[in-house]
Amino acid sequence: MAIDPVCKMEVDEMTAQFKTEYEGKTYYFCAPGCKKSFDREPDKYLTE
């Protein structure tokens, strides 16, 4: 299981509908809103 970097929920990598690549790593999201927030400001969520 991966952790959504925005809301901290667990996300199953095998069934995740929302994901993005950033600096060579794949991040998984529970919902499109979390993905959109991350895509807008990824460093904000990676440094928290």
PDB file of N, CA and C in Angstrom:
ATOM      1  N   MET A   1       0.837  -1.190   0.000  1.00  0.00           N
ATOM      2  CA  MET A   1       0.000   0.000   0.000  1.00  0.00           C
ATOM      3  C   MET A   1       0.882   1.254   0.000  1.00  0.00           C
ATOM      4  N   ALA A   2       0.425   2.218  -0.743  1.00  0.00           N
ATOM      5  CA  ALA A   2       1.100   3.517  -0.782  1.00  0.00           C
ATOM      6  C   ALA A   2       0.309   4.499   0.082  1.00  0.00           C
ATOM      7  N   ILE A   3       0.941   5.585   0.449  1.00  0.00           N
ATOM      8  CA  ILE A   3       0.273   6.640   1.214  1.00  0.00           C
ATOM      9  C   ILE A   3       0.078   7.849   0.300  1.00  0.00           C
ATOM     10  N   ASP A   4      -1.165   8.286   0.195  1.00  0.00           N
ATOM     11  CA  ASP A   4      -1.476   9.502  -0.566  1.00  0.00           C
ATOM     12  C   ASP A   4      -0.734  10.659   0.114  1.00  0.00           C
ATOM     13  N   PRO A   5       0.181  11.343  -0.600  1.00  0.00           N
ATOM     14  CA  PRO A   5       0.969  12.402   0.040  1.00  0.00           C
ATOM     15  C   PRO A   5       0.148  13.632   0.439  1.00  0.00           C
ATOM     16  N   VAL A   6      -1.060  13.749  -0.083  1.00  0.00           N
ATOM     17  CA  VAL A   6      -1.885  14.913   0.234  1.00  0.00           C
ATOM     18  C   VAL A   6      -2.731  14.669   1.484  1.00  0.00           C
ATOM     19  N   CYS A   7      -3.516  13.587   1.494  1.00  0.00           N
ATOM     20  CA  CYS A   7      -4.444  13.348   2.610  1.00  0.00           C
ATOM     21  C   CYS A   7      -3.983  12.237   3.552  1.00  0.00           C
ATOM     22  N   LYS A   8      -2.879  11.575   3.201  1.00  0.00           N
ATOM     23  CA  LYS A   8      -2.268  10.523   4.029  1.00  0.00           C
ATOM     24  C   LYS A   8      -3.087   9.224   4.105  1.00  0.00           C
ATOM     25  N   MET A   9      -4.056   9.045   3.227  1.00  0.00           N
ATOM     26  CA  MET A   9      -4.817   7.789   3.199  1.00  0.00           C
ATOM     27  C   MET A   9      -3.991   6.703   2.526  1.00  0.00           C
ATOM     28  N   GLU A  10      -4.277   5.444   2.874  1.00  0.00           N
ATOM     29  CA  GLU A  10      -3.627   4.330   2.191  1.00  0.00           C
ATOM     30  C   GLU A  10      -4.289   4.124   0.832  1.00  0.00           C
ATOM     31  N   VAL A  11      -3.458   3.856  -0.178  1.00  0.00           N
ATOM     32  CA  VAL A  11      -3.935   3.647  -1.541  1.00  0.00           C
ATOM     33  C   VAL A  11      -3.275   2.386  -2.078  1.00  0.00           C
ATOM     34  N   ASP A  12      -4.059   1.495  -2.649  1.00  0.00           N
ATOM     35  CA  ASP A  12      -3.529   0.269  -3.238  1.00  0.00           C
ATOM     36  C   ASP A  12      -2.944   0.605  -4.609  1.00  0.00           C
ATOM     37  N   GLU A  13      -1.643   0.393  -4.764  1.00  0.00           N
ATOM     38  CA  GLU A  13      -0.972   0.734  -6.035  1.00  0.00           C
ATOM     39  C   GLU A  13      -1.545  -0.046  -7.214  1.00  0.00           C
ATOM     40  N   MET A  14      -2.029  -1.249  -6.965  1.00  0.00           N
ATOM     41  CA  MET A  14      -2.530  -2.100  -8.048  1.00  0.00           C
ATOM     42  C   MET A  14      -3.872  -1.612  -8.600  1.00  0.00           C
ATOM     43  N   THR A  15      -4.664  -0.931  -7.791  1.00  0.00           N
ATOM     44  CA  THR A  15      -5.999  -0.506  -8.227  1.00  0.00           C
ATOM     45  C   THR A  15      -6.169   1.011  -8.267  1.00  0.00           C
ATOM     46  N   ALA A  16      -5.129   1.751  -7.923  1.00  0.00           N
ATOM     47  CA  ALA A  16      -5.233   3.217  -7.883  1.00  0.00           C
ATOM     48  C   ALA A  16      -5.574   3.778  -9.262  1.00  0.00           C
ATOM     49  N   GLN A  17      -6.586   4.615  -9.295  1.00  0.00           N
ATOM     50  CA  GLN A  17      -6.985   5.261 -10.548  1.00  0.00           C
ATOM     51  C   GLN A  17      -6.193   6.537 -10.800  1.00  0.00           C
ATOM     52  N   PHE A  18      -5.660   7.120  -9.739  1.00  0.00           N
ATOM     53  CA  PHE A  18      -4.997   8.414  -9.855  1.00  0.00           C
ATOM     54  C   PHE A  18      -3.545   8.291  -9.404  1.00  0.00           C
ATOM     55  N   LYS A  19      -2.631   8.620 -10.315  1.00  0.00           N
ATOM     56  CA  LYS A  19      -1.210   8.583  -9.979  1.00  0.00           C
ATOM     57  C   LYS A  19      -0.478   9.598 -10.827  1.00  0.00           C
ATOM     58  N   THR A  20       0.704   9.950 -10.364  1.00  0.00           N
ATOM     59  CA  THR A  20       1.525  10.905 -11.108  1.00  0.00           C
ATOM     60  C   THR A  20       2.993  10.563 -10.885  1.00  0.00           C
ATOM     61  N   GLU A  21       3.817  10.906 -11.843  1.00  0.00           N
ATOM     62  CA  GLU A  21       5.265  10.735 -11.738  1.00  0.00           C
ATOM     63  C   GLU A  21       5.866  12.084 -11.379  1.00  0.00           C
ATOM     64  N   TYR A  22       6.765  12.075 -10.396  1.00  0.00           N
ATOM     65  CA  TYR A  22       7.460  13.312 -10.024  1.00  0.00           C
ATOM     66  C   TYR A  22       8.875  12.957  -9.608  1.00  0.00           C
ATOM     67  N   GLU A  23       9.840  13.549 -10.283  1.00  0.00           N
ATOM     68  CA  GLU A  23      11.263  13.319 -10.024  1.00  0.00           C
ATOM     69  C   GLU A  23      11.598  11.825  -9.973  1.00  0.00           C
ATOM     70  N   GLY A  24      11.043  11.070 -10.918  1.00  0.00           N
ATOM     71  CA  GLY A  24      11.371   9.665 -11.056  1.00  0.00           C
ATOM     72  C   GLY A  24      10.640   8.717 -10.113  1.00  0.00           C
ATOM     73  N   LYS A  25       9.714   9.231  -9.319  1.00  0.00           N
ATOM     74  CA  LYS A  25       8.966   8.389  -8.393  1.00  0.00           C
ATOM     75  C   LYS A  25       7.475   8.495  -8.694  1.00  0.00           C
ATOM     76  N   THR A  26       6.748   7.396  -8.533  1.00  0.00           N
ATOM     77  CA  THR A  26       5.307   7.397  -8.743  1.00  0.00           C
ATOM     78  C   THR A  26       4.596   7.631  -7.416  1.00  0.00           C
ATOM     79  N   TYR A  27       3.648   8.545  -7.426  1.00  0.00           N
ATOM     80  CA  TYR A  27       2.826   8.840  -6.254  1.00  0.00           C
ATOM     81  C   TYR A  27       1.389   8.468  -6.585  1.00  0.00           C
ATOM     82  N   TYR A  28       0.700   7.889  -5.612  1.00  0.00           N
ATOM     83  CA  TYR A  28      -0.662   7.405  -5.798  1.00  0.00           C
ATOM     84  C   TYR A  28      -1.622   8.215  -4.946  1.00  0.00           C
ATOM     85  N   PHE A  29      -2.836   8.419  -5.477  1.00  0.00           N
ATOM     86  CA  PHE A  29      -3.817   9.281  -4.821  1.00  0.00           C
ATOM     87  C   PHE A  29      -5.166   8.583  -4.716  1.00  0.00           C
ATOM     88  N   CYS A  30      -5.914   8.948  -3.669  1.00  0.00           N
ATOM     89  CA  CYS A  30      -7.219   8.341  -3.430  1.00  0.00           C
ATOM     90  C   CYS A  30      -8.306   8.979  -4.290  1.00  0.00           C
ATOM     91  N   ALA A  31      -8.088  10.203  -4.730  1.00  0.00           N
ATOM     92  CA  ALA A  31      -9.127  10.942  -5.454  1.00  0.00           C
ATOM     93  C   ALA A  31      -8.487  11.960  -6.400  1.00  0.00           C
ATOM     94  N   PRO A  32      -9.245  12.400  -7.399  1.00  0.00           N
ATOM     95  CA  PRO A  32      -8.683  13.366  -8.358  1.00  0.00           C
ATOM     96  C   PRO A  32      -8.304  14.696  -7.721  1.00  0.00           C
ATOM     97  N   GLY A  33      -9.014  15.097  -6.673  1.00  0.00           N
ATOM     98  CA  GLY A  33      -8.677  16.365  -6.007  1.00  0.00           C
ATOM     99  C   GLY A  33      -7.304  16.329  -5.367  1.00  0.00           C
ATOM    100  N   CYS A  34      -6.960  15.185  -4.768  1.00  0.00           N
ATOM    101  CA  CYS A  34      -5.628  15.048  -4.161  1.00  0.00           C
ATOM    102  C   CYS A  34      -4.551  15.103  -5.231  1.00  0.00           C
ATOM    103  N   LYS A  35      -4.779  14.425  -6.346  1.00  0.00           N
ATOM    104  CA  LYS A  35      -3.803  14.439  -7.441  1.00  0.00           C
ATOM    105  C   LYS A  35      -3.624  15.856  -7.978  1.00  0.00           C
ATOM    106  N   LYS A  36      -4.721  16.560  -8.144  1.00  0.00           N
ATOM    107  CA  LYS A  36      -4.663  17.928  -8.669  1.00  0.00           C
ATOM    108  C   LYS A  36      -3.880  18.843  -7.724  1.00  0.00           C
ATOM    109  N   SER A  37      -4.129  18.716  -6.430  1.00  0.00           N
ATOM    110  CA  SER A  37      -3.403  19.528  -5.441  1.00  0.00           C
ATOM    111  C   SER A  37      -1.909  19.229  -5.486  1.00  0.00           C
ATOM    112  N   PHE A  38      -1.561  17.932  -5.563  1.00  0.00           N
ATOM    113  CA  PHE A  38      -0.154  17.530  -5.613  1.00  0.00           C
ATOM    114  C   PHE A  38       0.504  18.046  -6.890  1.00  0.00           C
ATOM    115  N   ASP A  39      -0.175  17.864  -8.031  1.00  0.00           N
ATOM    116  CA  ASP A  39       0.399  18.301  -9.308  1.00  0.00           C
ATOM    117  C   ASP A  39       0.649  19.804  -9.332  1.00  0.00           C
ATOM    118  N   ARG A  40      -0.154  20.558  -8.617  1.00  0.00           N
ATOM    119  CA  ARG A  40      -0.009  22.013  -8.569  1.00  0.00           C
ATOM    120  C   ARG A  40       1.196  22.424  -7.731  1.00  0.00           C
ATOM    121  N   GLU A  41       1.414  21.742  -6.568  1.00  0.00           N
ATOM    122  CA  GLU A  41       2.495  22.101  -5.652  1.00  0.00           C
ATOM    123  C   GLU A  41       3.122  20.870  -5.022  1.00  0.00           C
ATOM    124  N   PRO A  42       3.809  20.033  -5.790  1.00  0.00           N
ATOM    125  CA  PRO A  42       4.331  18.769  -5.221  1.00  0.00           C
ATOM    126  C   PRO A  42       5.290  18.964  -4.055  1.00  0.00           C
ATOM    127  N   ASP A  43       6.133  19.960  -4.117  1.00  0.00           N
ATOM    128  CA  ASP A  43       7.117  20.145  -3.042  1.00  0.00           C
ATOM    129  C   ASP A  43       6.459  20.477  -1.708  1.00  0.00           C
ATOM    130  N   LYS A  44       5.313  21.119  -1.756  1.00  0.00           N
ATOM    131  CA  LYS A  44       4.576  21.440  -0.523  1.00  0.00           C
ATOM    132  C   LYS A  44       4.220  20.169   0.225  1.00  0.00           C
ATOM    133  N   TYR A  45       3.789  19.141  -0.504  1.00  0.00           N
ATOM    134  CA  TYR A  45       3.340  17.904   0.135  1.00  0.00           C
ATOM    135  C   TYR A  45       4.480  16.947   0.476  1.00  0.00           C
ATOM    136  N   LEU A  46       5.600  17.094  -0.196  1.00  0.00           N
ATOM    137  CA  LEU A  46       6.736  16.211   0.061  1.00  0.00           C
ATOM    138  C   LEU A  46       7.598  16.710   1.214  1.00  0.00           C
ATOM    139  N   THR A  47       7.448  17.970   1.590  1.00  0.00           N
ATOM    140  CA  THR A  47       8.268  18.508   2.691  1.00  0.00           C
ATOM    141  C   THR A  47       7.500  18.585   4.001  1.00  0.00           C
ATOM    142  N   GLU A  48       6.197  18.331   3.966  1.00  0.00           N
ATOM    143  CA  GLU A  48       5.394  18.394   5.195  1.00  0.00           C
ATOM    144  C   GLU A  48       5.667  17.202   6.086  1.00  0.00           C
TER     145      GLU A  48
END
